[in-house]
């Protein structure tokens, strides 16, 4: 086999983050009666939250804010968009979000089929993810895919985030392999693909939405089942 070890991203690659996130936000919107508190529609709540979350994650990856800032600011700023300055509600939403989200189990099509295929070929598989340690472990357990992975490397444990080489080096050392013998499978061009390229690791770019790219990965797929034609 060309590759001896496979490294996967979790969110947006195997675990359907958008669907699971939207289900969680809908539960929060309904449970805490946010319409009565001044948020006119769920759609407006969702759009506001997702915008703040993406911007704050970018700042977190660049080291400008802490995990705690990220956890609480995204809901605080969302509520303030609707002129709701309720810190108790903010803390409740932030904490409940991280309790509910990892209980969701929607996966991308062909995830289990593909992991079964790779396991049958005896590929050692590992995870490299930027998410919170406890949250990511629960996502994998509750969606039934934790059993496929030998090592689960989170940014929290590695002390670094994708795309920085330290987290890739940490994961490679943990797996007792080399970049040349490994391949990274992920959806994020900057984080997964260019990050892996930076340490000399080949890449499979999962690109279902087909946005334009400024870098040519080793392989590009639009469906996880296509991995079976590569590995």
Foldseek 3Di string as FASTA:
>chain_A
DQAQAEEEEDDPFWFPQVVLLLVLLVCLCVVVVVCVVQDVDSVLLVVQLVVLLVVVVVCVQVPNDDPVCSLQVSQCRSCVVRPDRDSVSSVVSSVSSLVRSLLDADTAPCNVVLLVVVVVVVRAYEYEYADDPVSVVSNCVNNVNPVSHPYYQYCVVQVHAFLAQSSVVVVCVVVVHAQSNYEYEYADCRGTFVSSVVRPHAYEHAHLVPDDDDDDGPHYDNGSVCVVVVD
